[in-house]
Amino acid sequence: MNRGMRHVALVVFGCFGLLFVQLNRIQVFQAEELRAHPENTRTVQRDFERPRGRIVTADGVVVAESQEVEGSFDRLRTYPEGDLYAHSAGWFSFNLGADGVERAWNDQLAGRTPGLQLSGIAGVLDDRAEVGDVVLHLDHDLQAAARDALGDRAGAVVLMDPNDGAIKALWGYPSFDPNELAGFSGTEVNEAYTALLETTGNPLRAPAHREVYFPGSTFKVVTAAAALESGRVTLDEPIFDVVTGYTPRFTDRELTNFGGRPCGGPLIDLLRQSCNAGFAEIGAEIVGADGLVITAERFGFNDIPPIDLPGAVASVMPTDFGIELEPPTDELPAGVVSDVPRLAQASIGQNDVSATPLQMALVAAAVANDGEVPVPRVVDRVLDARGRSVESTNRRVWRRAVAPDVAEQLRTAMVATVADGTGRVLVRDGFEVGAKTGTAQLGTDPARSHAWIIAFSGPVGGSAEWVVAVFVEGLDGSGDATGGGVAGPIAAAMLDAAAAS
């Protein structure tokens, strides 16, 4: 073989080798990623004609079921509760694929898991389709209470058990009717989907876990945690000056308190009053960039929460606050972060900090649960055709945010915020309630803001049984559109409903 032919042969063999490597990478290493991709409808199309299990709430309300029909297909997926569970149960569509529980738990609903197949072999004489019914942690009364309390305001409500991460209500407005996406007419389904995409607020977006927003002063719980973890701050010391604002180094722009009101004192008072100046000083001069970033990431920022629904996004804590200079320069001393003004803003939940309502519920859960952040769970268990449990989701800890003693101090401060601070709307006889309100200002022309509140509640002398996060988006005005004034009553309604359940 001459030299030219050898070169051609080597190129051909090399191409075959690359093709072999790429084929195996796709079929083996990327198989699960491609199967779960939102635009991959092959799995849904494969299972569309098969029997399919129901999705039901913890209290037995049917959320999704298949009905026998006449036409192109034998079965039609229907959603009896309309928009109430659209962002959790999702949809199952021949055209569009699936979303929510319908997608994440498709194998269980279709009876394709080993446990369900084994159950089917054991019960072959029953003449039943061996599919799985997925039972949610969501409680129908609490889900409806979330919808009623939020009303027609854009936003989200998350109600969770802080001890095991079981989500009892997950609601976002605007929502949509998944029945419109489950029909057989491709033209009608595509038109409905396009109309939803073009609707103001995009009802498909699931704001509770798929969108991030400025968390405002609710983030001060994270900054307070970083301060306590540093060992340089306690609930009672140091005493911060009573001022109307704080001017970070390297800028002459003052970061003012809400409404220009003066505030100060020890950390417990800073949290109770939601004092911008004090928390900006803590972040910029005591905790520092590294301390704030590390603490935020321990709570779950910069990572996607492991909720059992597709499409969840990571909350964001910026990490690029400048370089700590060593040795010093003529302009900056050694060890100083150059972007102090931005760090000060981040310390009060502004600038580039952003969070999902789910993430802020997990912050409250960590405070209520001795510093542990639970894995959030929408699904409780899977039942076979005879009602036997073949799969369950158990309590798991996602990460440890703070030490137990720090969590206890944060609980004390948040209880003080309810007793005599911005969270007074949540005072409840017989219950110990802790909270942190937040008002994230979006601009002044025109004045708009997000309203937030996170809270935990439990019987006096006992452990917290509930955490709630409420987010109301883009309210007009800034004076009365506060977390305590707008989000607070919604959280109060949820805690009352939970106590009565």
Protein backbone atom coordinates (compact mmCIF):
# COMPACT_ATOMS: atom_id res chain seq x y z
CA MET A 1 0.00 0.00 0.00
CA ASN A 2 1.52 3.35 -1.01
CA ARG A 3 1.78 6.30 1.33
CA GLY A 4 -1.28 8.12 -0.09
CA MET A 5 -3.56 5.14 0.36
CA ARG A 6 -2.32 4.64 3.90
CA HIS A 7 -3.20 8.24 4.69
CA VAL A 8 -6.68 7.80 3.24
CA ALA A 9 -7.18 4.58 5.22
CA LEU A 10 -6.07 6.24 8.43
CA VAL A 11 -8.50 9.14 7.86
CA VAL A 12 -11.37 6.73 7.16
CA PHE A 13 -10.61 4.63 10.23
CA GLY A 14 -10.30 7.81 12.30
CA CYS A 15 -13.72 8.97 11.11
CA PHE A 16 -15.23 5.60 12.00
CA GLY A 17 -13.59 5.83 15.40
CA LEU A 18 -15.01 9.29 16.05
CA LEU A 19 -18.43 8.12 14.87
CA PHE A 20 -18.26 5.13 17.23
CA VAL A 21 -17.28 7.33 20.18
CA GLN A 22 -20.03 9.87 19.42
CA LEU A 23 -22.67 7.14 18.99
CA ASN A 24 -21.78 5.58 22.33
CA ARG A 25 -21.68 8.98 24.04
CA ILE A 26 -25.21 9.73 22.85
CA GLN A 27 -26.68 6.26 23.42
CA VAL A 28 -25.05 5.59 26.79
CA PHE A 29 -23.89 8.72 28.56
CA GLN A 30 -26.48 11.21 27.25
CA ALA A 31 -29.42 8.83 26.97
CA GLU A 32 -31.15 9.96 30.16
CA GLU A 33 -30.51 13.64 29.45
CA LEU A 34 -31.99 13.36 25.96
CA ARG A 35 -34.93 11.30 27.15
CA ALA A 36 -35.80 13.95 29.72
CA HIS A 37 -35.33 16.92 27.38
CA PRO A 38 -38.52 19.04 27.26
CA GLU A 39 -38.63 18.97 23.45
CA ASN A 40 -38.34 15.18 23.24
CA THR A 41 -41.89 13.86 22.77
CA ARG A 42 -40.93 10.30 21.78
CA THR A 43 -41.57 8.89 25.26
CA VAL A 44 -45.02 10.47 25.40
CA GLN A 45 -45.92 9.28 21.91
CA ARG A 46 -44.81 5.77 22.85
CA ASP A 47 -47.04 5.77 25.93
CA PHE A 48 -49.99 7.74 24.58
CA GLU A 49 -52.10 4.71 23.67
CA ARG A 50 -51.22 2.77 26.81
CA PRO A 51 -53.31 2.71 29.98
CA ARG A 52 -52.08 5.37 32.41
CA GLY A 53 -52.40 5.81 36.14
CA ARG A 54 -54.08 8.67 37.94
CA ILE A 55 -52.52 11.58 39.79
CA VAL A 56 -54.31 12.23 43.09
CA THR A 57 -53.82 14.60 46.02
CA ALA A 58 -52.96 13.53 49.55
CA ASP A 59 -56.66 13.75 50.43
CA GLY A 60 -57.85 11.73 47.45
CA VAL A 61 -58.88 14.38 44.89
CA VAL A 62 -58.22 13.23 41.32
CA VAL A 63 -55.92 15.66 39.54
CA ALA A 64 -55.30 13.73 36.30
CA GLU A 65 -56.88 10.62 34.80
CA SER A 66 -57.40 8.89 31.46
CA GLN A 67 -60.85 8.44 29.97
CA GLU A 68 -61.82 6.03 27.22
CA VAL A 69 -63.05 7.89 24.14
CA GLU A 70 -63.86 7.24 20.52
CA GLY A 71 -61.72 8.73 17.81
CA SER A 72 -58.10 8.68 16.69
CA PHE A 73 -56.98 7.45 20.09
CA ASP A 74 -58.66 5.24 22.65
CA ARG A 75 -57.83 7.39 25.67
CA LEU A 76 -57.85 11.08 26.50
CA ARG A 77 -55.95 12.56 29.43
CA THR A 78 -58.17 14.89 31.45
CA TYR A 79 -57.60 17.27 34.36
CA PRO A 80 -60.76 17.61 36.49
CA GLU A 81 -59.42 20.53 38.55
CA GLY A 82 -58.47 22.66 35.57
CA ASP A 83 -55.76 25.22 36.32
CA LEU A 84 -55.33 24.39 40.00
CA TYR A 85 -52.52 21.84 39.51
CA ALA A 86 -51.21 22.91 36.10
CA HIS A 87 -47.77 23.90 37.46
CA SER A 88 -47.38 20.72 39.48
CA ALA A 89 -49.23 17.85 37.73
CA GLY A 90 -48.47 19.41 34.35
CA TRP A 91 -49.93 18.00 31.12
CA PHE A 92 -49.67 14.95 28.85
CA SER A 93 -49.97 15.84 25.17
CA PHE A 94 -49.32 13.93 21.97
CA ASN A 95 -48.23 17.15 20.26
CA LEU A 96 -46.30 18.86 23.03
CA GLY A 97 -44.97 16.02 25.14
CA ALA A 98 -45.45 16.23 28.89
CA ASP A 99 -44.62 18.45 31.81
CA GLY A 100 -44.76 18.42 35.60
CA VAL A 101 -45.51 15.14 37.39
CA GLU A 102 -46.78 13.77 34.09
CA ARG A 103 -43.23 14.01 32.74
CA ALA A 104 -41.06 13.40 35.80
CA TRP A 105 -43.11 10.37 36.86
CA ASN A 106 -44.05 9.10 33.39
CA ASP A 107 -42.55 5.62 33.86
CA GLN A 108 -44.54 5.10 37.05
CA LEU A 109 -47.79 6.34 35.51
CA ALA A 110 -47.23 4.14 32.46
CA GLY A 111 -46.34 1.07 34.55
CA ARG A 112 -42.79 0.81 33.24
CA THR A 113 -40.89 0.59 36.53
CA PRO A 114 -39.56 -2.77 37.80
CA GLY A 115 -41.74 -2.58 40.92
CA LEU A 116 -44.94 -2.13 38.92
CA GLN A 117 -43.98 -4.78 36.38
CA LEU A 118 -43.26 -7.25 39.16
CA SER A 119 -46.58 -6.37 40.78
CA GLY A 120 -48.26 -6.99 37.43
CA ILE A 121 -46.78 -10.47 37.18
CA ALA A 122 -47.94 -11.28 40.71
CA GLY A 123 -51.46 -10.06 39.92
CA VAL A 124 -51.81 -11.33 36.36
CA LEU A 125 -55.09 -13.07 37.16
CA ASP A 126 -56.70 -9.76 38.18
CA ASP A 127 -56.98 -8.71 34.52
CA ARG A 128 -56.01 -5.15 35.40
CA ALA A 129 -53.68 -2.80 33.56
CA GLU A 130 -50.59 -2.57 35.75
CA VAL A 131 -50.07 1.18 35.87
CA GLY A 132 -49.13 3.37 38.80
CA ASP A 133 -51.28 5.91 40.59
CA VAL A 134 -49.10 8.80 41.78
CA VAL A 135 -50.16 10.23 45.14
CA LEU A 136 -49.07 13.80 45.83
CA HIS A 137 -48.17 15.51 49.08
CA LEU A 138 -50.30 18.41 47.86
CA ASP A 139 -53.47 18.88 49.89
CA HIS A 140 -56.50 19.94 47.86
CA ASP A 141 -57.93 22.32 50.47
CA LEU A 142 -54.54 23.99 50.98
CA GLN A 143 -53.92 24.26 47.25
CA ALA A 144 -57.31 25.92 46.81
CA ALA A 145 -56.57 28.21 49.77
CA ALA A 146 -53.36 29.33 48.05
CA ARG A 147 -55.25 30.15 44.87
CA ASP A 148 -57.93 32.06 46.77
CA ALA A 149 -55.46 33.99 48.93
CA LEU A 150 -53.25 35.13 46.03
CA GLY A 151 -56.26 35.97 43.85
CA ASP A 152 -55.54 37.63 40.53
CA ARG A 153 -52.15 39.01 41.58
CA ALA A 154 -49.14 37.62 39.72
CA GLY A 155 -46.97 35.63 42.07
CA ALA A 156 -46.59 32.34 43.89
CA VAL A 157 -47.31 30.55 47.15
CA VAL A 158 -45.32 27.62 48.55
CA LEU A 159 -46.44 25.79 51.71
CA MET A 160 -44.14 23.08 53.03
CA ASP A 161 -43.47 20.80 55.97
CA PRO A 162 -39.98 21.94 57.06
CA ASN A 163 -39.16 18.63 58.69
CA ASP A 164 -39.42 16.41 55.63
CA GLY A 165 -39.75 18.74 52.65
CA ALA A 166 -43.29 17.63 51.77
CA ILE A 167 -44.91 20.39 49.71
CA LYS A 168 -48.55 20.87 50.67
CA ALA A 169 -49.37 23.74 48.30
CA LEU A 170 -47.58 24.95 45.18
CA TRP A 171 -49.50 27.65 43.35
CA GLY A 172 -48.60 30.32 40.84
CA TYR A 173 -50.70 32.92 39.06
CA PRO A 174 -51.38 33.24 36.20
CA SER A 175 -52.05 29.57 35.55
CA PHE A 176 -53.76 27.70 32.70
CA ASP A 177 -56.08 24.80 31.95
CA PRO A 178 -54.01 21.75 30.90
CA ASN A 179 -57.08 20.21 29.24
CA GLU A 180 -56.49 22.64 26.37
CA LEU A 181 -53.09 21.02 25.70
CA ALA A 182 -54.23 17.39 25.98
CA GLY A 183 -56.69 17.22 23.07
CA PHE A 184 -56.33 15.22 19.87
CA SER A 185 -56.54 18.10 17.42
CA GLY A 186 -52.98 19.15 16.72
CA THR A 187 -54.09 22.47 15.30
CA GLU A 188 -56.20 23.36 18.34
CA VAL A 189 -53.52 22.24 20.80
CA ASN A 190 -50.80 24.23 19.04
CA GLU A 191 -53.02 27.30 18.88
CA ALA A 192 -53.78 27.02 22.60
CA TYR A 193 -50.09 26.63 23.41
CA THR A 194 -49.12 29.63 21.27
CA ALA A 195 -51.85 31.73 22.89
CA LEU A 196 -50.50 30.87 26.34
CA LEU A 197 -46.97 31.84 25.31
CA GLU A 198 -48.26 35.19 24.08
CA THR A 199 -50.41 35.89 27.16
CA THR A 200 -49.10 38.59 29.48
CA GLY A 201 -47.21 36.93 32.32
CA ASN A 202 -46.81 33.63 30.41
CA PRO A 203 -49.02 31.25 32.41
CA LEU A 204 -46.78 28.30 31.45
CA ARG A 205 -43.79 29.57 33.44
CA ALA A 206 -44.57 28.13 36.93
CA PRO A 207 -43.23 31.08 38.99
CA ALA A 208 -42.81 29.07 42.21
CA HIS A 209 -39.84 27.06 40.96
CA ARG A 210 -39.02 28.07 37.37
CA GLU A 211 -38.52 31.83 37.68
CA VAL A 212 -36.19 33.95 39.82
CA TYR A 213 -36.87 37.40 41.28
CA PHE A 214 -35.14 39.90 43.54
CA PRO A 215 -35.81 38.49 47.05
CA GLY A 216 -35.41 41.86 48.74
CA SER A 217 -35.25 41.84 52.51
CA THR A 218 -36.17 38.16 52.89
CA PHE A 219 -32.53 37.57 51.89
CA LYS A 220 -31.47 39.33 55.10
CA VAL A 221 -32.07 36.01 56.86
CA VAL A 222 -29.14 34.64 54.83
CA THR A 223 -26.99 37.68 55.62
CA ALA A 224 -27.88 37.35 59.31
CA ALA A 225 -26.90 33.68 59.17
CA ALA A 226 -23.53 34.60 57.67
CA ALA A 227 -23.00 37.21 60.38
CA LEU A 228 -23.77 34.73 63.18
CA GLU A 229 -21.62 32.04 61.56
CA SER A 230 -18.68 34.47 61.39
CA GLY A 231 -18.49 34.64 65.18
CA ARG A 232 -18.16 38.42 65.00
CA VAL A 233 -21.86 39.13 65.51
CA THR A 234 -24.43 37.90 68.01
CA LEU A 235 -28.08 38.81 68.35
CA ASP A 236 -27.08 41.45 70.92
CA GLU A 237 -23.67 42.74 69.80
CA PRO A 238 -22.34 44.88 68.22
CA ILE A 239 -24.74 47.81 68.37
CA PHE A 240 -25.08 49.43 64.95
CA ASP A 241 -25.63 53.18 64.74
CA VAL A 242 -29.15 54.48 64.18
CA VAL A 243 -28.91 55.98 60.69
CA THR A 244 -31.07 56.57 57.63
CA GLY A 245 -28.63 54.95 55.21
CA TYR A 246 -25.19 53.48 54.59
CA THR A 247 -22.59 54.64 52.09
CA PRO A 248 -20.22 51.83 51.06
CA ARG A 249 -16.56 52.49 50.37
CA PHE A 250 -15.58 53.45 46.81
CA THR A 251 -18.86 55.27 46.12
CA ASP A 252 -20.66 58.41 47.24
CA ARG A 253 -24.14 56.91 46.65
CA GLU A 254 -25.97 56.20 49.87
CA LEU A 255 -27.96 52.99 50.27
CA THR A 256 -31.02 54.20 52.17
CA ASN A 257 -33.49 52.49 54.46
CA PHE A 258 -37.02 51.86 53.21
CA GLY A 259 -38.91 55.15 53.34
CA GLY A 260 -35.83 56.95 54.61
CA ARG A 261 -36.59 55.89 58.18
CA PRO A 262 -33.74 55.76 60.73
CA CYS A 263 -32.89 52.36 62.25
CA GLY A 264 -30.06 50.60 64.04
CA GLY A 265 -29.24 48.56 67.13
CA PRO A 266 -28.16 44.92 67.54
CA LEU A 267 -28.77 42.24 64.92
CA ILE A 268 -32.11 41.16 66.38
CA ASP A 269 -33.39 44.72 65.99
CA LEU A 270 -31.95 45.05 62.50
CA LEU A 271 -33.92 42.01 61.40
CA ARG A 272 -37.06 43.08 63.27
CA GLN A 273 -36.97 46.52 61.60
CA SER A 274 -35.60 45.19 58.27
CA CYS A 275 -32.82 47.77 58.44
CA ASN A 276 -31.06 48.19 55.09
CA ALA A 277 -28.20 50.25 56.47
CA GLY A 278 -27.26 47.75 59.14
CA PHE A 279 -27.36 44.71 56.86
CA ALA A 280 -25.45 46.49 54.11
CA GLU A 281 -22.72 47.31 56.63
CA ILE A 282 -22.69 43.71 57.89
CA GLY A 283 -22.27 42.33 54.38
CA ALA A 284 -19.69 44.84 53.22
CA GLU A 285 -17.57 45.22 56.34
CA ILE A 286 -18.06 42.17 58.59
CA VAL A 287 -19.09 39.13 56.58
CA GLY A 288 -17.40 39.99 53.29
CA ALA A 289 -17.93 38.49 49.85
CA ASP A 290 -16.62 35.02 50.65
CA GLY A 291 -18.67 34.67 53.81
CA LEU A 292 -21.88 35.81 52.15
CA VAL A 293 -21.43 33.62 49.06
CA ILE A 294 -20.52 30.51 51.06
CA THR A 295 -23.51 30.92 53.38
CA ALA A 296 -25.94 31.57 50.52
CA GLU A 297 -24.71 28.47 48.71
CA ARG A 298 -25.16 26.40 51.85
CA PHE A 299 -28.82 27.41 51.79
CA GLY A 300 -29.01 26.28 48.16
CA PHE A 301 -28.25 29.33 46.04
CA ASN A 302 -26.34 28.70 42.80
CA ASP A 303 -27.68 25.15 42.65
CA ILE A 304 -30.91 23.66 41.32
CA PRO A 305 -33.15 22.41 44.14
CA PRO A 306 -33.72 18.63 43.80
CA ILE A 307 -37.51 18.93 43.62
CA ASP A 308 -39.22 16.00 41.90
CA LEU A 309 -40.56 18.19 39.08
CA PRO A 310 -38.82 19.09 35.81
CA GLY A 311 -37.61 22.57 34.95
CA ALA A 312 -36.61 23.93 38.36
CA VAL A 313 -33.98 26.65 38.19
CA ALA A 314 -31.17 27.74 40.48
CA SER A 315 -31.44 30.87 42.57
CA VAL A 316 -28.52 33.22 42.04
CA MET A 317 -25.98 34.63 44.45
CA PRO A 318 -23.29 36.47 42.45
CA THR A 319 -19.72 35.46 43.16
CA ASP A 320 -17.78 38.07 41.16
CA PHE A 321 -17.41 40.87 43.69
CA GLY A 322 -13.90 41.78 42.62
CA ILE A 323 -10.49 40.50 43.60
CA GLU A 324 -9.06 40.63 47.11
CA LEU A 325 -5.85 42.57 46.54
CA GLU A 326 -2.61 41.20 47.97
CA PRO A 327 -0.28 43.04 48.17
CA PRO A 328 -2.03 46.46 48.44
CA THR A 329 -2.07 49.05 45.68
CA ASP A 330 -2.04 52.83 45.92
CA GLU A 331 -5.83 52.85 45.60
CA LEU A 332 -6.85 49.87 47.77
CA PRO A 333 -5.43 48.27 50.93
CA ALA A 334 -4.66 44.57 51.06
CA GLY A 335 -7.54 42.14 51.48
CA VAL A 336 -10.25 44.53 50.30
CA VAL A 337 -12.89 43.47 47.80
CA SER A 338 -13.04 46.19 45.17
CA ASP A 339 -16.79 45.98 44.41
CA VAL A 340 -18.04 46.91 47.88
CA PRO A 341 -21.11 48.89 46.73
CA ARG A 342 -22.46 45.87 44.85
CA LEU A 343 -21.72 43.60 47.80
CA ALA A 344 -23.66 45.95 50.07
CA GLN A 345 -26.65 45.81 47.74
CA ALA A 346 -26.46 42.00 47.54
CA SER A 347 -26.51 41.82 51.34
CA ILE A 348 -30.08 43.18 51.30
CA GLY A 349 -31.27 40.97 48.44
CA GLN A 350 -30.88 43.45 45.62
CA ASN A 351 -28.49 43.96 42.69
CA ASP A 352 -27.86 40.57 41.01
CA VAL A 353 -29.30 38.38 43.78
CA SER A 354 -32.37 36.49 42.60
CA ALA A 355 -34.40 33.63 44.03
CA THR A 356 -37.35 31.39 43.36
CA PRO A 357 -40.17 31.33 45.92
CA LEU A 358 -39.28 27.65 46.43
CA GLN A 359 -35.72 28.60 47.40
CA MET A 360 -36.94 31.16 49.92
CA ALA A 361 -39.29 28.55 51.41
CA LEU A 362 -36.21 26.33 51.82
CA VAL A 363 -34.41 29.17 53.63
CA ALA A 364 -37.29 29.34 56.12
CA ALA A 365 -37.30 25.53 56.36
CA ALA A 366 -33.61 25.47 57.27
CA VAL A 367 -34.16 28.02 60.04
CA ALA A 368 -37.11 26.01 61.37
CA ASN A 369 -35.33 22.65 61.05
CA ASP A 370 -32.11 23.17 63.02
CA GLY A 371 -30.19 24.33 59.97
CA GLU A 372 -30.97 21.43 57.65
CA VAL A 373 -32.39 22.12 54.18
CA PRO A 374 -34.76 19.28 53.23
CA VAL A 375 -35.18 17.88 49.73
CA PRO A 376 -38.49 19.40 48.51
CA ARG A 377 -41.04 16.77 47.41
CA VAL A 378 -44.33 17.03 45.56
CA VAL A 379 -44.90 13.26 45.22
CA ASP A 380 -45.51 11.04 48.24
CA ARG A 381 -45.85 7.50 46.84
CA VAL A 382 -46.85 5.31 43.91
CA LEU A 383 -49.65 2.74 44.18
CA ASP A 384 -50.21 -0.30 41.99
CA ALA A 385 -53.57 -1.34 40.54
CA ARG A 386 -54.55 -2.99 43.82
CA GLY A 387 -53.74 0.10 45.87
CA ARG A 388 -50.48 -1.24 47.30
CA SER A 389 -47.52 1.10 47.71
CA VAL A 390 -44.70 0.09 45.37
CA GLU A 391 -42.57 3.23 45.66
CA SER A 392 -42.32 6.10 48.11
CA THR A 393 -40.28 9.26 48.52
CA ASN A 394 -38.59 9.44 51.88
CA ARG A 395 -37.28 12.39 53.84
CA ARG A 396 -33.80 13.40 52.75
CA VAL A 397 -31.55 16.30 53.67
CA TRP A 398 -30.28 18.33 50.74
CA ARG A 399 -27.62 20.25 52.67
CA ARG A 400 -26.79 21.85 56.00
CA ALA A 401 -27.15 25.61 55.84
CA VAL A 402 -26.07 26.60 59.38
CA ALA A 403 -25.23 25.03 62.71
CA PRO A 404 -28.17 24.22 65.03
CA ASP A 405 -27.26 27.01 67.47
CA VAL A 406 -27.24 29.56 64.65
CA ALA A 407 -30.62 28.28 63.43
CA GLU A 408 -31.96 28.76 66.97
CA GLN A 409 -30.76 32.37 67.05
CA LEU A 410 -32.35 33.03 63.65
CA ARG A 411 -35.62 31.55 64.90
CA THR A 412 -35.50 33.89 67.89
CA ALA A 413 -34.96 36.90 65.65
CA MET A 414 -37.73 35.91 63.22
CA VAL A 415 -40.17 35.36 66.11
CA ALA A 416 -39.29 38.86 67.33
CA THR A 417 -40.08 40.16 63.83
CA VAL A 418 -43.62 38.82 64.19
CA ALA A 419 -44.06 39.86 67.82
CA ASP A 420 -42.93 43.45 67.34
CA GLY A 421 -41.72 44.10 63.82
CA THR A 422 -42.65 44.05 60.16
CA GLY A 423 -44.34 40.63 60.42
CA ARG A 424 -46.99 41.48 63.02
CA VAL A 425 -49.78 40.40 60.64
CA LEU A 426 -48.79 36.78 61.40
CA VAL A 427 -49.37 36.88 65.17
CA ARG A 428 -51.49 33.80 66.00
CA ASP A 429 -52.80 32.75 69.42
CA GLY A 430 -51.39 29.40 70.49
CA PHE A 431 -48.72 29.38 67.78
CA GLU A 432 -45.11 30.47 67.64
CA VAL A 433 -44.62 32.20 64.31
CA GLY A 434 -41.42 33.61 62.91
CA ALA A 435 -41.16 35.58 59.69
CA LYS A 436 -39.17 37.92 57.49
CA THR A 437 -40.85 40.34 55.13
CA GLY A 438 -39.33 41.73 51.97
CA THR A 439 -39.99 44.60 49.59
CA ALA A 440 -37.76 44.46 46.51
CA GLN A 441 -37.86 47.83 44.78
CA LEU A 442 -37.69 47.59 40.99
CA GLY A 443 -37.40 51.26 40.15
CA THR A 444 -38.83 54.68 40.79
CA ASP A 445 -40.16 55.76 37.39
CA PRO A 446 -42.73 54.39 37.79
CA ALA A 447 -42.38 53.04 41.32
CA ARG A 448 -42.79 49.25 41.36
CA SER A 449 -41.79 46.53 43.79
CA HIS A 450 -42.06 42.84 44.61
CA ALA A 451 -43.69 41.92 47.92
CA TRP A 452 -42.35 38.89 49.83
CA ILE A 453 -42.73 37.09 53.11
CA ILE A 454 -41.26 33.85 54.43
CA ALA A 455 -42.46 32.35 57.69
CA PHE A 456 -42.58 29.25 59.88
CA SER A 457 -45.28 28.26 62.37
CA GLY A 458 -45.85 25.64 65.03
CA PRO A 459 -47.49 25.20 68.42
CA VAL A 460 -46.01 27.19 71.27
CA GLY A 461 -43.28 25.07 72.86
CA GLY A 462 -43.21 22.65 69.92
CA SER A 463 -41.43 22.27 66.61
CA ALA A 464 -42.38 24.22 63.51
CA GLU A 465 -44.92 22.32 61.40
CA TRP A 466 -45.23 24.65 58.44
CA VAL A 467 -43.18 27.05 56.39
CA VAL A 468 -44.65 29.36 53.80
CA ALA A 469 -43.18 31.60 51.14
CA VAL A 470 -45.35 34.18 49.40
CA PHE A 471 -44.24 36.29 46.45
CA VAL A 472 -46.35 38.97 44.75
CA GLU A 473 -44.83 40.33 41.57
CA GLY A 474 -44.32 43.87 40.31
CA LEU A 475 -46.78 45.89 42.36
CA ASP A 476 -47.41 49.50 41.37
CA GLY A 477 -46.33 52.07 43.92
CA SER A 478 -43.75 51.69 46.68
CA GLY A 479 -45.27 53.11 49.86
CA ASP A 480 -48.00 50.57 50.60
CA ALA A 481 -46.75 47.72 48.38
CA THR A 482 -44.72 46.08 51.13
CA GLY A 483 -44.11 42.47 52.07
CA GLY A 484 -45.93 42.87 55.36
CA GLY A 485 -48.86 44.73 53.85
CA VAL A 486 -49.42 42.63 50.70
CA ALA A 487 -47.74 39.25 51.08
CA GLY A 488 -48.32 39.06 54.84
CA PRO A 489 -52.12 38.58 54.74
CA ILE A 490 -51.70 35.85 52.11
CA ALA A 491 -49.25 34.00 54.36
CA ALA A 492 -51.62 34.48 57.30
CA ALA A 493 -54.45 32.89 55.32
CA MET A 494 -52.22 29.93 54.47
CA LEU A 495 -51.10 29.37 58.06
CA ASP A 496 -54.72 29.53 59.23
CA ALA A 497 -55.74 27.02 56.57
CA ALA A 498 -52.86 24.74 57.51
CA ALA A 499 -53.75 24.90 61.20
CA ALA A 500 -57.32 23.93 60.36
CA SER A 501 -56.37 21.04 58.08
